[in-house]
Structure formats: structure tokens, C-alpha cells
N, C-alpha and C. Protein backbone atom coordinates (compact mmCIF):
# COMPACT_ATOMS: atom_id res chain seq x y z
N MET A 1 0.83 -1.21 0.00
CA MET A 1 0.00 0.00 0.00
C MET A 1 0.87 1.26 0.00
N SER A 2 0.31 2.33 -0.51
CA SER A 2 1.02 3.60 -0.50
C SER A 2 0.95 4.20 0.91
N ARG A 3 1.78 5.20 1.16
CA ARG A 3 1.73 5.86 2.47
C ARG A 3 0.37 6.49 2.72
N LEU A 4 -0.25 6.98 1.65
CA LEU A 4 -1.58 7.57 1.78
C LEU A 4 -2.58 6.52 2.23
N GLU A 5 -2.54 5.35 1.62
CA GLU A 5 -3.44 4.25 2.00
C GLU A 5 -3.13 3.75 3.41
N ASN A 6 -1.85 3.72 3.74
CA ASN A 6 -1.44 3.31 5.09
C ASN A 6 -2.08 4.23 6.13
N TYR A 7 -1.96 5.53 5.89
CA TYR A 7 -2.50 6.50 6.85
C TYR A 7 -4.01 6.37 6.96
N GLN A 8 -4.69 6.32 5.84
CA GLN A 8 -6.15 6.24 5.85
C GLN A 8 -6.64 4.97 6.55
N LYS A 9 -5.95 3.86 6.33
CA LYS A 9 -6.31 2.59 6.97
C LYS A 9 -6.14 2.68 8.48
N ILE A 10 -5.00 3.22 8.92
CA ILE A 10 -4.73 3.33 10.36
C ILE A 10 -5.68 4.32 11.02
N ARG A 11 -5.97 5.41 10.32
CA ARG A 11 -6.89 6.40 10.89
C ARG A 11 -8.28 5.80 11.11
N LYS A 12 -8.71 4.93 10.22
CA LYS A 12 -10.00 4.26 10.39
C LYS A 12 -9.98 3.25 11.53
N GLU A 13 -8.82 2.62 11.72
CA GLU A 13 -8.69 1.59 12.77
C GLU A 13 -8.60 2.20 14.16
N ILE A 14 -7.97 3.34 14.26
CA ILE A 14 -7.73 3.97 15.56
C ILE A 14 -8.94 4.81 15.98
N PRO A 15 -9.37 4.71 17.23
CA PRO A 15 -10.52 5.50 17.68
C PRO A 15 -10.33 7.00 17.44
N ASP A 16 -11.43 7.69 17.20
CA ASP A 16 -11.37 9.12 16.87
C ASP A 16 -10.73 9.96 17.98
N TYR A 17 -10.87 9.50 19.23
CA TYR A 17 -10.35 10.30 20.34
C TYR A 17 -8.82 10.24 20.44
N VAL A 18 -8.22 9.35 19.67
CA VAL A 18 -6.76 9.22 19.69
C VAL A 18 -6.14 10.08 18.59
N THR A 19 -5.30 11.00 18.98
CA THR A 19 -4.58 11.85 18.02
C THR A 19 -3.39 11.09 17.44
N ILE A 20 -3.25 11.14 16.13
CA ILE A 20 -2.08 10.55 15.48
C ILE A 20 -1.09 11.67 15.17
N VAL A 21 0.08 11.58 15.81
CA VAL A 21 1.18 12.49 15.49
C VAL A 21 2.11 11.74 14.54
N LEU A 22 2.22 12.23 13.33
CA LEU A 22 3.08 11.58 12.34
C LEU A 22 4.51 12.06 12.50
N ALA A 23 5.43 11.12 12.72
CA ALA A 23 6.84 11.46 12.91
C ALA A 23 7.46 11.82 11.57
N GLY A 24 7.81 13.07 11.41
CA GLY A 24 8.29 13.56 10.12
C GLY A 24 9.78 13.40 9.88
N LYS A 25 10.48 12.79 10.82
CA LYS A 25 11.94 12.68 10.74
C LYS A 25 12.39 12.06 9.40
N THR A 26 13.22 12.78 8.69
CA THR A 26 13.82 12.41 7.39
C THR A 26 12.82 12.33 6.24
N ARG A 27 11.56 12.65 6.49
CA ARG A 27 10.57 12.59 5.41
C ARG A 27 10.62 13.88 4.58
N THR A 28 10.29 13.77 3.30
CA THR A 28 10.35 14.93 2.41
C THR A 28 9.09 15.78 2.55
N PRO A 29 9.18 17.07 2.19
CA PRO A 29 7.99 17.92 2.21
C PRO A 29 6.85 17.33 1.37
N LYS A 30 7.20 16.70 0.25
CA LYS A 30 6.18 16.09 -0.60
C LYS A 30 5.42 14.99 0.14
N GLU A 31 6.17 14.14 0.85
CA GLU A 31 5.55 13.06 1.61
C GLU A 31 4.63 13.61 2.70
N ILE A 32 5.10 14.62 3.40
CA ILE A 32 4.33 15.20 4.50
C ILE A 32 3.09 15.90 3.97
N LYS A 33 3.24 16.66 2.89
CA LYS A 33 2.10 17.38 2.33
C LYS A 33 1.01 16.42 1.87
N GLU A 34 1.41 15.32 1.28
CA GLU A 34 0.44 14.33 0.81
C GLU A 34 -0.41 13.81 1.96
N ILE A 35 0.22 13.57 3.10
CA ILE A 35 -0.51 13.07 4.26
C ILE A 35 -1.39 14.16 4.88
N ILE A 36 -0.90 15.38 4.90
CA ILE A 36 -1.70 16.49 5.42
C ILE A 36 -2.95 16.68 4.56
N ASP A 37 -2.77 16.61 3.25
CA ASP A 37 -3.91 16.74 2.34
C ASP A 37 -4.92 15.62 2.54
N ALA A 38 -4.44 14.47 3.08
CA ALA A 38 -5.33 13.34 3.33
C ALA A 38 -6.03 13.44 4.67
N GLY A 39 -5.71 14.50 5.43
CA GLY A 39 -6.41 14.72 6.69
C GLY A 39 -5.57 14.69 7.94
N ALA A 40 -4.27 14.46 7.82
CA ALA A 40 -3.40 14.46 8.99
C ALA A 40 -3.44 15.83 9.68
N THR A 41 -3.44 15.82 11.00
CA THR A 41 -3.60 17.06 11.76
C THR A 41 -2.39 17.43 12.59
N ASP A 42 -1.49 16.46 12.81
CA ASP A 42 -0.37 16.69 13.73
C ASP A 42 0.91 16.06 13.18
N ILE A 43 2.00 16.84 13.24
CA ILE A 43 3.30 16.36 12.79
C ILE A 43 4.30 16.50 13.94
N GLY A 44 5.11 15.47 14.14
CA GLY A 44 6.15 15.51 15.17
C GLY A 44 7.53 15.52 14.55
N GLU A 45 8.42 16.30 15.14
CA GLU A 45 9.80 16.37 14.65
C GLU A 45 10.77 16.19 15.81
N ASN A 46 11.89 15.51 15.52
CA ASN A 46 12.91 15.27 16.54
C ASN A 46 13.93 16.39 16.65
N TYR A 47 14.12 17.11 15.54
CA TYR A 47 15.16 18.13 15.52
C TYR A 47 14.60 19.46 15.04
N VAL A 48 14.99 20.52 15.72
CA VAL A 48 14.48 21.85 15.39
C VAL A 48 14.88 22.25 13.99
N GLN A 49 16.12 21.96 13.61
CA GLN A 49 16.61 22.38 12.29
C GLN A 49 15.80 21.71 11.17
N GLU A 50 15.54 20.40 11.32
CA GLU A 50 14.74 19.69 10.32
C GLU A 50 13.31 20.23 10.29
N ALA A 51 12.76 20.52 11.46
CA ALA A 51 11.40 21.05 11.53
C ALA A 51 11.31 22.40 10.85
N GLU A 52 12.30 23.23 11.07
CA GLU A 52 12.33 24.57 10.47
C GLU A 52 12.36 24.47 8.95
N SER A 53 13.19 23.57 8.43
CA SER A 53 13.30 23.38 6.99
C SER A 53 11.98 22.87 6.41
N LEU A 54 11.38 21.89 7.07
CA LEU A 54 10.12 21.33 6.60
C LEU A 54 9.01 22.37 6.67
N TYR A 55 8.95 23.09 7.77
CA TYR A 55 7.93 24.12 7.97
C TYR A 55 7.99 25.16 6.85
N ASN A 56 9.19 25.62 6.55
CA ASN A 56 9.35 26.64 5.50
C ASN A 56 9.02 26.08 4.12
N SER A 57 9.36 24.81 3.90
CA SER A 57 9.10 24.19 2.59
C SER A 57 7.60 24.01 2.34
N LEU A 58 6.84 23.79 3.40
CA LEU A 58 5.41 23.53 3.25
C LEU A 58 4.58 24.79 3.02
N GLY A 59 5.15 25.95 3.30
CA GLY A 59 4.43 27.20 3.07
C GLY A 59 3.14 27.28 3.88
N GLU A 60 2.05 27.65 3.23
CA GLU A 60 0.76 27.82 3.91
C GLU A 60 0.24 26.51 4.50
N THR A 61 0.62 25.39 3.88
CA THR A 61 0.18 24.09 4.38
C THR A 61 0.65 23.86 5.82
N ALA A 62 1.81 24.41 6.16
CA ALA A 62 2.38 24.22 7.50
C ALA A 62 1.46 24.76 8.60
N LYS A 63 0.65 25.76 8.23
CA LYS A 63 -0.21 26.41 9.22
C LYS A 63 -1.51 25.64 9.47
N LYS A 64 -1.72 24.58 8.70
CA LYS A 64 -2.96 23.80 8.83
C LYS A 64 -2.88 22.76 9.94
N ILE A 65 -1.68 22.52 10.44
CA ILE A 65 -1.50 21.43 11.39
C ILE A 65 -0.85 21.91 12.68
N ARG A 66 -0.86 21.00 13.68
CA ARG A 66 -0.16 21.26 14.94
C ARG A 66 1.21 20.58 14.88
N TRP A 67 2.21 21.31 15.36
CA TRP A 67 3.60 20.83 15.31
C TRP A 67 4.05 20.44 16.72
N HIS A 68 4.61 19.23 16.82
CA HIS A 68 5.04 18.70 18.11
C HIS A 68 6.54 18.47 18.13
N MET A 69 7.21 18.98 19.15
CA MET A 69 8.62 18.65 19.36
C MET A 69 8.65 17.34 20.14
N ILE A 70 9.18 16.28 19.50
CA ILE A 70 9.16 14.97 20.14
C ILE A 70 10.58 14.44 20.39
N GLY A 71 11.58 15.28 20.13
CA GLY A 71 12.97 14.91 20.39
C GLY A 71 13.56 15.79 21.49
N HIS A 72 14.76 15.48 21.88
CA HIS A 72 15.45 16.26 22.91
C HIS A 72 15.64 17.69 22.43
N LEU A 73 15.23 18.65 23.23
CA LEU A 73 15.33 20.06 22.86
C LEU A 73 16.52 20.70 23.56
N GLN A 74 17.49 21.11 22.75
CA GLN A 74 18.65 21.80 23.30
C GLN A 74 18.27 23.23 23.67
N THR A 75 18.85 23.72 24.75
CA THR A 75 18.52 25.06 25.25
C THR A 75 18.78 26.13 24.20
N ASN A 76 19.84 25.96 23.42
CA ASN A 76 20.17 26.99 22.43
C ASN A 76 19.26 26.96 21.20
N LYS A 77 18.34 25.99 21.16
CA LYS A 77 17.40 25.91 20.04
C LYS A 77 15.97 26.31 20.45
N ILE A 78 15.80 26.71 21.70
CA ILE A 78 14.45 27.00 22.20
C ILE A 78 13.80 28.16 21.44
N ASN A 79 14.56 29.22 21.19
CA ASN A 79 13.98 30.38 20.50
C ASN A 79 13.40 30.00 19.14
N LYS A 80 14.16 29.20 18.38
CA LYS A 80 13.66 28.75 17.08
C LYS A 80 12.47 27.82 17.25
N ALA A 81 12.53 26.95 18.25
CA ALA A 81 11.45 25.99 18.48
C ALA A 81 10.13 26.69 18.75
N LEU A 82 10.18 27.78 19.48
CA LEU A 82 8.96 28.51 19.84
C LEU A 82 8.27 29.13 18.63
N LYS A 83 9.02 29.32 17.56
CA LYS A 83 8.43 29.90 16.35
C LYS A 83 7.73 28.84 15.49
N ILE A 84 8.03 27.58 15.75
CA ILE A 84 7.50 26.50 14.92
C ILE A 84 6.47 25.65 15.65
N PHE A 85 6.84 25.19 16.85
CA PHE A 85 6.05 24.15 17.52
C PHE A 85 4.88 24.70 18.31
N ASP A 86 3.82 23.90 18.34
CA ASP A 86 2.65 24.19 19.17
C ASP A 86 2.75 23.49 20.51
N VAL A 87 3.47 22.38 20.53
CA VAL A 87 3.63 21.57 21.75
C VAL A 87 5.07 21.09 21.84
N ILE A 88 5.64 21.18 23.04
CA ILE A 88 6.94 20.56 23.32
C ILE A 88 6.68 19.39 24.25
N GLN A 89 6.86 18.17 23.73
CA GLN A 89 6.50 16.96 24.48
C GLN A 89 7.63 16.46 25.37
N THR A 90 8.79 17.09 25.33
CA THR A 90 9.97 16.48 25.93
C THR A 90 10.59 17.30 27.05
N VAL A 91 9.76 17.85 27.93
CA VAL A 91 10.27 18.56 29.11
C VAL A 91 10.57 17.52 30.19
N ASP A 92 11.81 17.46 30.65
CA ASP A 92 12.17 16.44 31.63
C ASP A 92 12.92 16.99 32.84
N SER A 93 12.92 18.32 32.98
CA SER A 93 13.57 18.93 34.15
C SER A 93 13.01 20.33 34.36
N LEU A 94 13.16 20.81 35.58
CA LEU A 94 12.72 22.18 35.87
C LEU A 94 13.59 23.18 35.12
N GLU A 95 14.87 22.86 34.96
CA GLU A 95 15.78 23.75 34.23
C GLU A 95 15.29 23.95 32.79
N LYS A 96 14.89 22.85 32.15
CA LYS A 96 14.40 22.94 30.78
C LYS A 96 13.07 23.72 30.74
N ALA A 97 12.20 23.43 31.67
CA ALA A 97 10.91 24.13 31.73
C ALA A 97 11.11 25.63 31.94
N ALA A 98 12.00 25.98 32.85
CA ALA A 98 12.25 27.40 33.14
C ALA A 98 12.85 28.12 31.94
N ALA A 99 13.72 27.42 31.21
CA ALA A 99 14.34 28.02 30.02
C ALA A 99 13.29 28.28 28.94
N ILE A 100 12.40 27.33 28.74
CA ILE A 100 11.32 27.52 27.76
C ILE A 100 10.40 28.64 28.20
N ASN A 101 10.07 28.66 29.48
CA ASN A 101 9.18 29.69 30.03
C ASN A 101 9.76 31.09 29.83
N LYS A 102 11.04 31.23 30.11
CA LYS A 102 11.70 32.55 30.01
C LYS A 102 11.66 33.07 28.57
N ARG A 103 11.94 32.19 27.63
CA ARG A 103 11.95 32.61 26.23
C ARG A 103 10.53 32.82 25.70
N ALA A 104 9.60 32.03 26.18
CA ALA A 104 8.20 32.22 25.78
C ALA A 104 7.68 33.56 26.30
N GLU A 105 8.07 33.89 27.50
CA GLU A 105 7.68 35.18 28.08
C GLU A 105 8.22 36.34 27.24
N GLY A 106 9.44 36.16 26.74
CA GLY A 106 10.08 37.20 25.94
C GLY A 106 9.35 37.52 24.65
N ILE A 107 8.59 36.56 24.12
CA ILE A 107 7.84 36.81 22.89
C ILE A 107 6.32 36.85 23.13
N GLY A 108 5.95 36.88 24.41
CA GLY A 108 4.53 36.99 24.75
C GLY A 108 3.71 35.78 24.36
N ARG A 109 4.30 34.59 24.54
CA ARG A 109 3.62 33.36 24.14
C ARG A 109 3.46 32.42 25.33
N VAL A 110 2.34 31.70 25.38
CA VAL A 110 2.16 30.64 26.36
C VAL A 110 2.30 29.31 25.63
N MET A 111 3.22 28.47 26.09
CA MET A 111 3.57 27.25 25.39
C MET A 111 2.98 26.01 26.06
N SER A 112 2.42 25.13 25.25
CA SER A 112 1.92 23.85 25.75
C SER A 112 3.09 22.88 25.86
N VAL A 113 3.17 22.20 27.00
CA VAL A 113 4.27 21.25 27.21
C VAL A 113 3.75 19.96 27.85
N TYR A 114 4.49 18.87 27.62
CA TYR A 114 4.27 17.60 28.31
C TYR A 114 5.54 17.25 29.07
N ILE A 115 5.41 16.49 30.13
CA ILE A 115 6.57 15.95 30.83
C ILE A 115 6.93 14.62 30.18
N GLU A 116 8.20 14.48 29.81
CA GLU A 116 8.67 13.21 29.24
C GLU A 116 9.20 12.32 30.36
N ILE A 117 8.68 11.10 30.44
CA ILE A 117 9.10 10.14 31.46
C ILE A 117 9.93 9.04 30.81
N ASN A 118 11.07 8.76 31.38
CA ASN A 118 11.90 7.63 30.95
C ASN A 118 11.40 6.40 31.72
N ILE A 119 10.27 5.88 31.28
CA ILE A 119 9.55 4.88 32.06
C ILE A 119 10.33 3.58 32.23
N GLY A 120 11.26 3.30 31.31
CA GLY A 120 12.06 2.08 31.42
C GLY A 120 13.42 2.31 32.07
N SER A 121 13.64 3.55 32.56
CA SER A 121 14.93 3.91 33.18
C SER A 121 16.11 3.51 32.30
N GLU A 122 16.00 3.81 31.01
CA GLU A 122 17.05 3.43 30.06
C GLU A 122 18.13 4.51 29.97
N ILE A 123 19.36 4.08 30.07
CA ILE A 123 20.49 5.01 30.07
C ILE A 123 20.56 5.81 28.77
N THR A 124 20.16 5.20 27.67
CA THR A 124 20.30 5.83 26.36
C THR A 124 19.16 6.78 26.02
N LYS A 125 18.15 6.87 26.88
CA LYS A 125 16.99 7.70 26.56
C LYS A 125 16.83 8.86 27.53
N ALA A 126 16.29 9.95 27.00
CA ALA A 126 16.02 11.12 27.82
C ALA A 126 14.73 10.90 28.61
N GLY A 127 14.43 11.82 29.48
CA GLY A 127 13.20 11.73 30.25
C GLY A 127 13.48 11.71 31.74
N ILE A 128 12.51 12.17 32.51
CA ILE A 128 12.63 12.19 33.96
C ILE A 128 12.51 10.79 34.53
N LYS A 129 13.12 10.55 35.67
CA LYS A 129 13.03 9.24 36.32
C LYS A 129 11.57 8.88 36.58
N PRO A 130 11.23 7.60 36.45
CA PRO A 130 9.83 7.19 36.61
C PRO A 130 9.44 7.01 38.07
N GLU A 131 9.77 8.00 38.89
CA GLU A 131 9.41 7.97 40.31
C GLU A 131 8.34 9.05 40.54
N TYR A 132 7.20 8.62 41.05
CA TYR A 132 6.05 9.52 41.09
C TYR A 132 6.34 10.83 41.82
N GLU A 133 7.01 10.76 42.95
CA GLU A 133 7.25 11.97 43.75
C GLU A 133 8.07 13.00 42.98
N ILE A 134 9.06 12.52 42.22
CA ILE A 134 9.89 13.42 41.42
C ILE A 134 9.05 14.07 40.31
N ILE A 135 8.20 13.27 39.68
CA ILE A 135 7.36 13.77 38.60
C ILE A 135 6.32 14.75 39.13
N GLU A 136 5.72 14.41 40.26
CA GLU A 136 4.73 15.32 40.87
C GLU A 136 5.37 16.66 41.21
N ASN A 137 6.57 16.62 41.76
CA ASN A 137 7.26 17.86 42.12
C ASN A 137 7.52 18.72 40.89
N LEU A 138 7.94 18.09 39.78
CA LEU A 138 8.17 18.84 38.55
C LEU A 138 6.86 19.45 38.04
N ALA A 139 5.78 18.69 38.09
CA ALA A 139 4.48 19.20 37.65
C ALA A 139 4.07 20.42 38.47
N LYS A 140 4.29 20.35 39.77
CA LYS A 140 3.93 21.47 40.65
C LYS A 140 4.76 22.71 40.33
N GLU A 141 6.04 22.50 40.04
CA GLU A 141 6.90 23.63 39.71
C GLU A 141 6.53 24.24 38.36
N ILE A 142 6.21 23.39 37.39
CA ILE A 142 5.79 23.90 36.08
C ILE A 142 4.50 24.70 36.20
N SER A 143 3.61 24.28 37.09
CA SER A 143 2.33 24.98 37.26
C SER A 143 2.52 26.42 37.73
N LYS A 144 3.69 26.73 38.27
CA LYS A 144 3.98 28.09 38.75
C LYS A 144 4.54 28.98 37.64
N LEU A 145 4.89 28.39 36.52
CA LEU A 145 5.49 29.15 35.42
C LEU A 145 4.40 29.74 34.53
N GLU A 146 4.37 31.04 34.44
CA GLU A 146 3.27 31.76 33.81
C GLU A 146 3.10 31.49 32.32
N ASN A 147 4.20 31.18 31.65
CA ASN A 147 4.13 31.05 30.19
C ASN A 147 4.19 29.61 29.69
N LEU A 148 3.89 28.67 30.60
CA LEU A 148 3.77 27.27 30.23
C LEU A 148 2.42 26.72 30.66
N ASN A 149 1.84 25.89 29.82
CA ASN A 149 0.65 25.11 30.18
C ASN A 149 1.03 23.64 30.12
N LEU A 150 1.01 22.98 31.27
CA LEU A 150 1.29 21.54 31.30
C LEU A 150 0.02 20.80 30.93
N GLU A 151 0.10 20.01 29.84
CA GLU A 151 -1.11 19.37 29.30
C GLU A 151 -1.02 17.85 29.21
N GLY A 152 0.11 17.27 29.60
CA GLY A 152 0.15 15.82 29.48
C GLY A 152 1.49 15.21 29.81
N LEU A 153 1.56 13.90 29.56
CA LEU A 153 2.79 13.13 29.73
C LEU A 153 3.15 12.47 28.41
N MET A 154 4.43 12.23 28.23
CA MET A 154 4.93 11.52 27.05
C MET A 154 5.95 10.49 27.50
N THR A 155 5.91 9.32 26.89
CA THR A 155 6.97 8.34 27.12
C THR A 155 7.27 7.60 25.83
N MET A 156 8.53 7.19 25.71
CA MET A 156 8.93 6.32 24.60
C MET A 156 8.64 4.88 24.98
N GLY A 157 9.07 4.50 26.17
CA GLY A 157 8.95 3.11 26.58
C GLY A 157 10.03 2.27 25.91
N PRO A 158 10.50 1.23 26.57
CA PRO A 158 11.49 0.35 25.93
C PRO A 158 10.93 -0.25 24.66
N ARG A 159 11.77 -0.43 23.68
CA ARG A 159 11.33 -1.02 22.41
C ARG A 159 11.56 -2.52 22.44
N PHE A 160 10.50 -3.27 22.25
CA PHE A 160 10.58 -4.72 22.24
C PHE A 160 10.10 -5.26 20.90
N GLY A 161 10.54 -6.46 20.57
CA GLY A 161 10.02 -7.13 19.38
C GLY A 161 8.56 -7.46 19.55
N ASN A 162 8.20 -7.86 20.75
CA ASN A 162 6.81 -8.18 21.07
C ASN A 162 6.17 -6.99 21.78
N PRO A 163 5.20 -6.32 21.15
CA PRO A 163 4.57 -5.15 21.76
C PRO A 163 3.97 -5.43 23.14
N GLU A 164 3.57 -6.66 23.40
CA GLU A 164 2.99 -7.00 24.70
C GLU A 164 3.96 -6.72 25.84
N ASP A 165 5.25 -6.79 25.54
CA ASP A 165 6.25 -6.55 26.57
C ASP A 165 6.27 -5.08 27.02
N SER A 166 5.65 -4.21 26.23
CA SER A 166 5.56 -2.79 26.57
C SER A 166 4.40 -2.48 27.52
N ARG A 167 3.47 -3.40 27.63
CA ARG A 167 2.22 -3.13 28.34
C ARG A 167 2.44 -2.65 29.77
N LEU A 168 3.32 -3.32 30.49
CA LEU A 168 3.57 -2.96 31.89
C LEU A 168 4.06 -1.53 32.03
N TYR A 169 4.89 -1.09 31.10
CA TYR A 169 5.43 0.27 31.14
C TYR A 169 4.35 1.29 30.82
N PHE A 170 3.47 0.95 29.88
CA PHE A 170 2.36 1.85 29.55
C PHE A 170 1.38 1.96 30.72
N LYS A 171 1.14 0.85 31.40
CA LYS A 171 0.26 0.87 32.58
C LYS A 171 0.82 1.80 33.65
N LYS A 172 2.12 1.69 33.88
CA LYS A 172 2.76 2.52 34.90
C LYS A 172 2.66 4.00 34.55
N THR A 173 2.86 4.33 33.27
CA THR A 173 2.75 5.72 32.83
C THR A 173 1.32 6.23 32.99
N ARG A 174 0.35 5.39 32.63
CA ARG A 174 -1.06 5.76 32.78
C ARG A 174 -1.40 6.02 34.25
N ASP A 175 -0.88 5.21 35.14
CA ASP A 175 -1.17 5.40 36.57
C ASP A 175 -0.61 6.72 37.07
N ILE A 176 0.60 7.07 36.62
CA ILE A 176 1.19 8.36 36.99
C ILE A 176 0.33 9.50 36.44
N PHE A 177 -0.10 9.34 35.20
CA PHE A 177 -0.96 10.34 34.55
C PHE A 177 -2.24 10.58 35.37
N LYS A 178 -2.88 9.50 35.78
CA LYS A 178 -4.13 9.62 36.54
C LYS A 178 -3.91 10.30 37.88
N ARG A 179 -2.81 9.97 38.54
CA ARG A 179 -2.52 10.59 39.84
C ARG A 179 -2.28 12.09 39.69
N LEU A 180 -1.53 12.47 38.66
CA LEU A 180 -1.28 13.89 38.42
C LEU A 180 -2.58 14.63 38.10
N LYS A 181 -3.39 14.00 37.27
CA LYS A 181 -4.67 14.61 36.90
C LYS A 181 -5.53 14.86 38.12
N GLY A 182 -5.49 13.93 39.07
CA GLY A 182 -6.30 14.05 40.28
C GLY A 182 -5.86 15.16 41.21
N LEU A 183 -4.66 15.71 41.01
CA LEU A 183 -4.18 16.79 41.87
C LEU A 183 -4.89 18.11 41.59
N ASN A 184 -5.42 18.25 40.37
CA ASN A 184 -6.09 19.50 39.96
C ASN A 184 -5.21 20.72 40.23
N LEU A 185 -3.98 20.65 39.75
CA LEU A 185 -3.05 21.76 39.94
C LEU A 185 -3.48 22.97 39.11
N PRO A 186 -3.22 24.18 39.61
CA PRO A 186 -3.55 25.37 38.83
C PRO A 186 -2.74 25.43 37.54
N LYS A 187 -3.38 25.85 36.45
CA LYS A 187 -2.74 25.99 35.14
C LYS A 187 -2.24 24.66 34.58
N VAL A 188 -2.73 23.56 35.13
CA VAL A 188 -2.36 22.25 34.61
C VAL A 188 -3.62 21.55 34.13
N ASN A 189 -3.63 21.18 32.86
CA ASN A 189 -4.78 20.48 32.27
C ASN A 189 -4.28 19.16 31.70
N MET A 190 -4.25 18.15 32.54
CA MET A 190 -3.70 16.86 32.12
C MET A 190 -4.70 16.14 31.23
N LYS A 191 -4.58 16.40 29.94
CA LYS A 191 -5.55 15.85 28.99
C LYS A 191 -4.93 14.88 27.98
N THR A 192 -3.60 14.87 27.88
CA THR A 192 -2.97 14.06 26.83
C THR A 192 -1.97 13.08 27.40
N LEU A 193 -2.12 11.82 27.01
CA LEU A 193 -1.16 10.78 27.35
C LEU A 193 -0.56 10.29 26.04
N SER A 194 0.66 10.74 25.75
CA SER A 194 1.32 10.47 24.47
C SER A 194 2.25 9.27 24.62
N MET A 195 1.79 8.12 24.18
CA MET A 195 2.63 6.93 24.24
C MET A 195 2.18 5.92 23.19
N GLY A 196 3.16 5.20 22.67
CA GLY A 196 2.87 4.23 21.61
C GLY A 196 3.40 4.70 20.28
N MET A 197 4.17 3.81 19.62
CA MET A 197 4.71 4.14 18.30
C MET A 197 4.32 3.01 17.33
N SER A 198 4.96 2.98 16.19
CA SER A 198 4.52 2.08 15.12
C SER A 198 4.39 0.62 15.55
N ASN A 199 5.30 0.17 16.42
CA ASN A 199 5.27 -1.24 16.80
C ASN A 199 4.41 -1.51 18.03
N SER A 200 3.98 -0.46 18.73
CA SER A 200 3.33 -0.67 20.02
C SER A 200 2.05 0.13 20.23
N TYR A 201 1.59 0.85 19.22
CA TYR A 201 0.49 1.78 19.44
C TYR A 201 -0.82 1.10 19.85
N ARG A 202 -1.04 -0.12 19.38
CA ARG A 202 -2.29 -0.80 19.74
C ARG A 202 -2.34 -1.10 21.23
N VAL A 203 -1.24 -1.61 21.76
CA VAL A 203 -1.16 -1.89 23.19
C VAL A 203 -1.25 -0.59 23.99
N ALA A 204 -0.59 0.46 23.51
CA ALA A 204 -0.61 1.76 24.20
C ALA A 204 -2.04 2.31 24.31
N ILE A 205 -2.79 2.19 23.23
CA ILE A 205 -4.18 2.68 23.25
C ILE A 205 -5.02 1.87 24.24
N GLU A 206 -4.80 0.56 24.27
CA GLU A 206 -5.51 -0.29 25.22
C GLU A 206 -5.20 0.12 26.66
N GLU A 207 -4.02 0.67 26.87
CA GLU A 207 -3.61 1.07 28.22
C GLU A 207 -3.83 2.56 28.50
N GLY A 208 -4.61 3.22 27.65
CA GLY A 208 -5.01 4.59 27.98
C GLY A 208 -4.42 5.70 27.16
N SER A 209 -3.55 5.39 26.21
CA SER A 209 -2.98 6.44 25.38
C SER A 209 -4.05 7.10 24.53
N ASN A 210 -4.01 8.43 24.45
CA ASN A 210 -4.89 9.13 23.52
C ASN A 210 -4.10 9.95 22.51
N MET A 211 -2.81 9.64 22.41
CA MET A 211 -1.96 10.23 21.37
C MET A 211 -0.85 9.23 21.04
N VAL A 212 -0.73 8.86 19.77
CA VAL A 212 0.32 7.94 19.34
C VAL A 212 1.21 8.64 18.32
N ARG A 213 2.46 8.22 18.27
CA ARG A 213 3.43 8.85 17.38
C ARG A 213 3.89 7.81 16.36
N LEU A 214 3.45 7.97 15.13
CA LEU A 214 3.66 6.95 14.10
C LEU A 214 4.53 7.47 12.97
N GLY A 215 5.48 6.64 12.54
CA GLY A 215 6.32 6.99 11.41
C GLY A 215 6.42 5.87 10.41
N THR A 216 7.17 4.85 10.77
CA THR A 216 7.46 3.74 9.85
C THR A 216 6.20 3.08 9.30
N ILE A 217 5.21 2.88 10.14
CA ILE A 217 4.01 2.15 9.72
C ILE A 217 3.21 2.92 8.66
N VAL A 218 3.43 4.21 8.59
CA VAL A 218 2.75 5.04 7.58
C VAL A 218 3.67 5.26 6.38
N PHE A 219 4.89 5.70 6.65
CA PHE A 219 5.79 6.12 5.57
C PHE A 219 6.70 5.02 5.04
N GLY A 220 6.79 3.91 5.77
CA GLY A 220 7.76 2.90 5.41
C GLY A 220 9.08 3.16 6.11
N GLU A 221 10.04 2.27 5.90
CA GLU A 221 11.35 2.42 6.56
C GLU A 221 12.04 3.70 6.10
N ARG A 222 12.80 4.33 7.02
CA ARG A 222 13.53 5.53 6.67
C ARG A 222 14.65 5.19 5.69
N LYS A 223 14.87 6.14 4.79
CA LYS A 223 15.95 5.94 3.81
C LYS A 223 17.28 6.20 4.46
């Protein structure tokens, strides 16, 4: 099937309440535009420089969708990121949150952010430790920052050949999400649980995800 058919098939299979963020990493503007024209609403990028290039190449089409930062955000790239992205999914420290807040304040913008959790405690992956007290403390500190809106959690989860092996990690993330939501913190609207990728999105949705990040299953293997 073509990437267009892949997307349309998956969109029909996935419940309407689940947002599909298409991972645009290494994809061409032509590929991305084709999917946007087919109804895609959200694009995720790992690198600010690639996102900037894609955004500019798409012209007016770029304004039709929501842009998500789904990779590690370097402090020196925050200013550029704020001009492109609608959501930064990868906040994993108060230092990072404060840096985004300061720059957002400078341009009079309120930025939507998610806390990224390293739910598998993997050395090679970014994200805050999966300890509830640490995560709750970060959420409380973010709630005090005037130019940030905390709207959810994001996790990669360990990658397994068998998606079922991810279930326990998704359950743990969902439980943290529910506990944070129950705090009813000021300026915090915990509405999005972003977890699940091409190999694991079905299990993630079963465990409460309402946002999945898909690349390979739609576009095929990266060149």
C-alpha cells in the first residue's frame, strides 16, 4: 500500500479520540504534504533544524497542522522551536521548563508542554526518572510558570520485538498520569497521554494512550 493508503487505513482503525502524530523525521515535504492533504492534523519532529526546513518548505500548508517537538530540545534551540512548535513533548527537568518559560515570556507566548518520562529507566533515553514523587514535584513547579501550560505526559517506553512486553510500562505511565490529573493543579490540564509508536500503538491505546506517534508504519522504513 502507498503511504496515503497506510494512513487512511490506520486512521479508520484507531478511535477518533486518539490523536495521530506523524513522525516527520527524514521525510520529504512532498511526503508530509500528501498526508496532510489526506487529513493528517499533527506532525512531530525530533530536531528543530529539520522542523524549520520542513515548515518553511510547506508554506501555507504548515499552518494547517499542529507541530510537536518529540525529540530532545537543546537550550540553544528554544527560540527557534517557539516559532514552529505548538507543543513541546519532551520537558524532563525544571531547568528545561524554566528556560522555555523565560523565552516564551520574551515573545509573549504561552507554550503547551508535556513531561517526558523515561519509564524504562534506560540510560540511552532522555526523560525524567519514573518515580512519582519526582514527577509530581516537577508538575507542581511547572504549574507556577506563567508562560507554560502543562497538558500531558509523554513516554517512549522500551522497544521490544513483542509489543505485549511494553504493556507494563504503559500501565505505569497511565497510573502516573491519573494521579497527576487528580491533583487539579492550577494551570495544569492533564488531557494528553502520548505513548505508543509504530510497533506498540495498539497496546498503548488499550492502556489509555490518547496520542500515538507513528512513522514507519505510515511512511515505510527511513531511507
